[in-house]
Amino acid sequence: MNKIQIQLIRELQHGIKLERRPFMRLARDLGLTEEQVIEQMKTWQTEGVIRRIGISVRPERMGYTTNAIIAWAVPEERLEEVGTGLSRVKEISHCYERECPPGWPYNIYTMVHAKSPEHLQELIEQQKQQLGLEKFKVFATVKELKKTSMRYFSEATPL
């Protein structure tokens, strides 16, 4: 990445302000045109560098007060099918396959956002039945200690 691209990512990773023409402000700050910023973002999207630009909400203010990581034991031959099925559930924000240490059978992890402990149980039961899953562990969130987006280029990153 060149110097301007790194500077643009630095700005974008802090979020986009709610304003009429946010890319115009970014362009002005970086000595670019609004069109250059938009074209760069389109290029990154085409290349797969960025997936999308979206909003960030606080789930608890939307009524989702119960969160848990669910670790599922899934047979190797069903990983793709089960991962795809779990990924379709709107209350699941993250779905990962992970390597298992010896003696630990749980290889798919999901982050589930529910409106109550009862809702969480309903979601688990639905997935158990729909996907034929039996073995899982629930790790309920006790307290949020940190929640930020990854910062790939800090001010200390050389240009």
C-alpha atoms as a PDB file:
ATOM      1  CA  MET A   1       0.000   0.000   0.000  1.00  0.00           C
ATOM      2  CA  ASN A   2       1.191   3.465  -0.744  1.00  0.00           C
ATOM      3  CA  LYS A   3       1.304   6.413   1.647  1.00  0.00           C
ATOM      4  CA  ILE A   4      -2.078   7.852   0.615  1.00  0.00           C
ATOM      5  CA  GLN A   5      -3.797   4.459   0.891  1.00  0.00           C
ATOM      6  CA  ILE A   6      -2.429   3.951   4.406  1.00  0.00           C
ATOM      7  CA  GLN A   7      -3.587   7.446   5.396  1.00  0.00           C
ATOM      8  CA  LEU A   8      -7.052   6.728   3.972  1.00  0.00           C
ATOM      9  CA  ILE A   9      -7.328   3.472   5.927  1.00  0.00           C
ATOM     10  CA  ARG A  10      -6.176   5.286   9.076  1.00  0.00           C
ATOM     11  CA  GLU A  11      -9.079   7.691   8.643  1.00  0.00           C
ATOM     12  CA  LEU A  12     -11.649   5.037   7.691  1.00  0.00           C
ATOM     13  CA  GLN A  13     -10.816   2.695  10.572  1.00  0.00           C
ATOM     14  CA  HIS A  14     -11.988   5.397  12.997  1.00  0.00           C
ATOM     15  CA  GLY A  15     -15.408   5.341  11.357  1.00  0.00           C
ATOM     16  CA  ILE A  16     -17.186   7.615   8.954  1.00  0.00           C
ATOM     17  CA  LYS A  17     -18.940  10.629  10.387  1.00  0.00           C
ATOM     18  CA  LEU A  18     -22.637  11.059   9.739  1.00  0.00           C
ATOM     19  CA  GLU A  19     -22.543  13.970   7.344  1.00  0.00           C
ATOM     20  CA  ARG A  20     -23.896  14.738   3.908  1.00  0.00           C
ATOM     21  CA  ARG A  21     -20.675  13.977   1.994  1.00  0.00           C
ATOM     22  CA  PRO A  22     -18.303  12.054   4.269  1.00  0.00           C
ATOM     23  CA  PHE A  23     -15.918  11.170   1.449  1.00  0.00           C
ATOM     24  CA  MET A  24     -15.564  14.845   0.550  1.00  0.00           C
ATOM     25  CA  ARG A  25     -14.257  15.577   4.059  1.00  0.00           C
ATOM     26  CA  LEU A  26     -11.851  12.620   3.886  1.00  0.00           C
ATOM     27  CA  ALA A  27     -10.648  13.751   0.470  1.00  0.00           C
ATOM     28  CA  ARG A  28     -10.061  17.304   1.690  1.00  0.00           C
ATOM     29  CA  ASP A  29      -8.142  16.044   4.742  1.00  0.00           C
ATOM     30  CA  LEU A  30      -5.916  13.880   2.524  1.00  0.00           C
ATOM     31  CA  GLY A  31      -5.434  16.311  -0.364  1.00  0.00           C
ATOM     32  CA  LEU A  32      -7.504  14.167  -2.749  1.00  0.00           C
ATOM     33  CA  THR A  33     -10.724  14.614  -4.667  1.00  0.00           C
ATOM     34  CA  GLU A  34     -13.949  13.015  -3.495  1.00  0.00           C
ATOM     35  CA  GLU A  35     -13.939  10.927  -6.682  1.00  0.00           C
ATOM     36  CA  GLN A  36     -10.433   9.603  -5.913  1.00  0.00           C
ATOM     37  CA  VAL A  37     -11.539   8.454  -2.458  1.00  0.00           C
ATOM     38  CA  ILE A  38     -14.655   6.765  -3.814  1.00  0.00           C
ATOM     39  CA  GLU A  39     -12.698   5.090  -6.633  1.00  0.00           C
ATOM     40  CA  GLN A  40     -10.114   3.798  -4.161  1.00  0.00           C
ATOM     41  CA  MET A  41     -12.860   2.314  -2.007  1.00  0.00           C
ATOM     42  CA  LYS A  42     -14.484   0.690  -5.062  1.00  0.00           C
ATOM     43  CA  THR A  43     -11.101  -0.798  -6.004  1.00  0.00           C
ATOM     44  CA  TRP A  44     -10.616  -2.163  -2.488  1.00  0.00           C
ATOM     45  CA  GLN A  45     -14.100  -3.675  -2.577  1.00  0.00           C
ATOM     46  CA  THR A  46     -13.424  -5.331  -5.953  1.00  0.00           C
ATOM     47  CA  GLU A  47     -10.082  -6.646  -4.666  1.00  0.00           C
ATOM     48  CA  GLY A  48     -11.707  -7.956  -1.481  1.00  0.00           C
ATOM     49  CA  VAL A  49      -9.732  -5.639   0.808  1.00  0.00           C
ATOM     50  CA  ILE A  50     -12.993  -4.248   2.220  1.00  0.00           C
ATOM     51  CA  ARG A  51     -16.322  -6.056   2.312  1.00  0.00           C
ATOM     52  CA  ARG A  52     -18.663  -3.201   3.023  1.00  0.00           C
ATOM     53  CA  ILE A  53     -19.201   0.024   4.884  1.00  0.00           C
ATOM     54  CA  GLY A  54     -21.885  -0.181   7.546  1.00  0.00           C
ATOM     55  CA  ILE A  55     -23.109   1.142  10.831  1.00  0.00           C
ATOM     56  CA  SER A  56     -22.047   0.024  14.260  1.00  0.00           C
ATOM     57  CA  VAL A  57     -24.751  -0.286  16.889  1.00  0.00           C
ATOM     58  CA  ARG A  58     -24.734  -1.155  20.570  1.00  0.00           C
ATOM     59  CA  PRO A  59     -26.641  -4.472  20.703  1.00  0.00           C
ATOM     60  CA  GLU A  60     -27.852  -3.920  24.266  1.00  0.00           C
ATOM     61  CA  ARG A  61     -29.594  -0.713  23.173  1.00  0.00           C
ATOM     62  CA  MET A  62     -31.352  -2.721  20.470  1.00  0.00           C
ATOM     63  CA  GLY A  63     -32.676  -5.176  23.057  1.00  0.00           C
ATOM     64  CA  TYR A  64     -29.969  -7.837  22.682  1.00  0.00           C
ATOM     65  CA  THR A  65     -28.774  -8.127  26.275  1.00  0.00           C
ATOM     66  CA  THR A  66     -27.655 -11.768  26.376  1.00  0.00           C
ATOM     67  CA  ASN A  67     -24.562 -12.803  24.451  1.00  0.00           C
ATOM     68  CA  ALA A  68     -22.636 -16.045  24.342  1.00  0.00           C
ATOM     69  CA  ILE A  69     -19.992 -17.863  22.417  1.00  0.00           C
ATOM     70  CA  ILE A  70     -21.207 -21.334  21.545  1.00  0.00           C
ATOM     71  CA  ALA A  71     -18.590 -23.958  20.774  1.00  0.00           C
ATOM     72  CA  TRP A  72     -20.024 -26.777  18.648  1.00  0.00           C
ATOM     73  CA  ALA A  73     -18.541 -30.235  18.052  1.00  0.00           C
ATOM     74  CA  VAL A  74     -19.088 -30.881  14.346  1.00  0.00           C
ATOM     75  CA  PRO A  75     -17.916 -33.939  12.406  1.00  0.00           C
ATOM     76  CA  GLU A  76     -15.237 -33.043   9.856  1.00  0.00           C
ATOM     77  CA  GLU A  77     -17.414 -34.105   6.919  1.00  0.00           C
ATOM     78  CA  ARG A  78     -20.196 -31.699   8.004  1.00  0.00           C
ATOM     79  CA  LEU A  79     -18.113 -28.580   8.697  1.00  0.00           C
ATOM     80  CA  GLU A  80     -19.092 -26.747   5.505  1.00  0.00           C
ATOM     81  CA  GLU A  81     -22.802 -27.615   5.787  1.00  0.00           C
ATOM     82  CA  VAL A  82     -23.061 -26.705   9.474  1.00  0.00           C
ATOM     83  CA  GLY A  83     -20.941 -23.566   9.125  1.00  0.00           C
ATOM     84  CA  THR A  84     -23.164 -22.379   6.286  1.00  0.00           C
ATOM     85  CA  GLY A  85     -26.320 -23.161   8.292  1.00  0.00           C
ATOM     86  CA  LEU A  86     -25.117 -21.334  11.396  1.00  0.00           C
ATOM     87  CA  SER A  87     -23.984 -18.365   9.311  1.00  0.00           C
ATOM     88  CA  ARG A  88     -27.542 -17.843   8.085  1.00  0.00           C
ATOM     89  CA  VAL A  89     -28.902 -17.198  11.608  1.00  0.00           C
ATOM     90  CA  LYS A  90     -29.402 -13.436  12.007  1.00  0.00           C
ATOM     91  CA  GLU A  91     -28.552 -13.534  15.726  1.00  0.00           C
ATOM     92  CA  ILE A  92     -25.124 -15.029  14.971  1.00  0.00           C
ATOM     93  CA  SER A  93     -22.576 -12.326  14.208  1.00  0.00           C
ATOM     94  CA  HIS A  94     -19.438 -14.484  13.990  1.00  0.00           C
ATOM     95  CA  CYS A  95     -18.968 -18.085  12.895  1.00  0.00           C
ATOM     96  CA  TYR A  96     -15.479 -19.616  12.823  1.00  0.00           C
ATOM     97  CA  GLU A  97     -13.930 -23.007  12.353  1.00  0.00           C
ATOM     98  CA  ARG A  98     -10.986 -23.421  14.709  1.00  0.00           C
ATOM     99  CA  GLU A  99      -8.326 -26.028  15.291  1.00  0.00           C
ATOM    100  CA  CYS A 100      -8.965 -28.246  18.290  1.00  0.00           C
ATOM    101  CA  PRO A 101      -6.312 -29.043  20.870  1.00  0.00           C
ATOM    102  CA  PRO A 102      -6.068 -32.735  21.827  1.00  0.00           C
ATOM    103  CA  GLY A 103      -9.152 -33.872  23.772  1.00  0.00           C
ATOM    104  CA  TRP A 104     -11.243 -30.822  22.796  1.00  0.00           C
ATOM    105  CA  PRO A 105     -13.876 -31.696  20.157  1.00  0.00           C
ATOM    106  CA  TYR A 106     -15.366 -28.218  19.627  1.00  0.00           C
ATOM    107  CA  ASN A 107     -14.353 -26.931  16.215  1.00  0.00           C
ATOM    108  CA  ILE A 108     -17.013 -24.353  15.243  1.00  0.00           C
ATOM    109  CA  TYR A 109     -17.524 -21.221  17.327  1.00  0.00           C
ATOM    110  CA  THR A 110     -20.421 -18.804  17.023  1.00  0.00           C
ATOM    111  CA  MET A 111     -21.095 -15.470  18.714  1.00  0.00           C
ATOM    112  CA  VAL A 112     -24.809 -15.320  19.466  1.00  0.00           C
ATOM    113  CA  HIS A 113     -26.750 -12.185  20.408  1.00  0.00           C
ATOM    114  CA  ALA A 114     -30.095 -12.851  22.119  1.00  0.00           C
ATOM    115  CA  LYS A 115     -32.786 -10.755  23.774  1.00  0.00           C
ATOM    116  CA  SER A 116     -32.835 -12.848  26.972  1.00  0.00           C
ATOM    117  CA  PRO A 117     -31.417 -16.070  28.426  1.00  0.00           C
ATOM    118  CA  GLU A 118     -34.628 -17.789  27.292  1.00  0.00           C
ATOM    119  CA  HIS A 119     -34.194 -16.462  23.763  1.00  0.00           C
ATOM    120  CA  LEU A 120     -30.596 -17.763  23.781  1.00  0.00           C
ATOM    121  CA  GLN A 121     -31.860 -21.218  24.760  1.00  0.00           C
ATOM    122  CA  GLU A 122     -34.446 -21.099  21.956  1.00  0.00           C
ATOM    123  CA  LEU A 123     -31.753 -20.230  19.431  1.00  0.00           C
ATOM    124  CA  ILE A 124     -29.552 -23.087  20.632  1.00  0.00           C
ATOM    125  CA  GLU A 125     -32.431 -25.557  20.470  1.00  0.00           C
ATOM    126  CA  GLN A 126     -33.340 -24.421  16.955  1.00  0.00           C
ATOM    127  CA  GLN A 127     -29.795 -24.982  15.718  1.00  0.00           C
ATOM    128  CA  LYS A 128     -29.511 -28.325  17.482  1.00  0.00           C
ATOM    129  CA  GLN A 129     -32.665 -29.551  15.765  1.00  0.00           C
ATOM    130  CA  GLN A 130     -32.222 -27.961  12.336  1.00  0.00           C
ATOM    131  CA  LEU A 131     -28.587 -28.993  11.959  1.00  0.00           C
ATOM    132  CA  GLY A 132     -28.611 -32.189  14.009  1.00  0.00           C
ATOM    133  CA  LEU A 133     -26.069 -30.937  16.533  1.00  0.00           C
ATOM    134  CA  GLU A 134     -25.756 -32.548  19.939  1.00  0.00           C
ATOM    135  CA  LYS A 135     -22.461 -31.629  21.524  1.00  0.00           C
ATOM    136  CA  PHE A 136     -21.800 -27.987  22.390  1.00  0.00           C
ATOM    137  CA  LYS A 137     -20.633 -25.668  25.162  1.00  0.00           C
ATOM    138  CA  VAL A 138     -22.083 -22.259  25.991  1.00  0.00           C
ATOM    139  CA  PHE A 139     -19.800 -19.499  27.233  1.00  0.00           C
ATOM    140  CA  ALA A 140     -22.064 -16.660  28.347  1.00  0.00           C
ATOM    141  CA  THR A 141     -20.732 -13.124  28.337  1.00  0.00           C
ATOM    142  CA  VAL A 142     -20.294 -11.913  31.887  1.00  0.00           C
ATOM    143  CA  LYS A 143     -18.896  -8.442  31.200  1.00  0.00           C
ATOM    144  CA  GLU A 144     -17.670  -6.624  28.107  1.00  0.00           C
ATOM    145  CA  LEU A 145     -14.055  -5.642  28.701  1.00  0.00           C
ATOM    146  CA  LYS A 146     -13.178  -4.313  25.255  1.00  0.00           C
ATOM    147  CA  LYS A 147     -15.023  -3.877  21.999  1.00  0.00           C
ATOM    148  CA  THR A 148     -13.380  -2.010  19.162  1.00  0.00           C
ATOM    149  CA  SER A 149     -12.674  -2.550  15.513  1.00  0.00           C
ATOM    150  CA  MET A 150      -9.187  -3.617  14.589  1.00  0.00           C
ATOM    151  CA  ARG A 151      -6.785  -0.760  13.862  1.00  0.00           C
ATOM    152  CA  TYR A 152      -4.474  -1.892  11.075  1.00  0.00           C
ATOM    153  CA  PHE A 153      -2.506   1.324  10.697  1.00  0.00           C
ATOM    154  CA  SER A 154      -1.821   3.431  13.764  1.00  0.00           C
ATOM    155  CA  GLU A 155      -0.276   6.867  13.736  1.00  0.00           C
ATOM    156  CA  ALA A 156       2.997   5.110  14.613  1.00  0.00           C
ATOM    157  CA  THR A 157       2.895   3.034  11.409  1.00  0.00           C
ATOM    158  CA  PRO A 158       5.530   4.410   9.056  1.00  0.00           C
ATOM    159  CA  LEU A 159       4.235   5.756   5.740  1.00  0.00           C
END
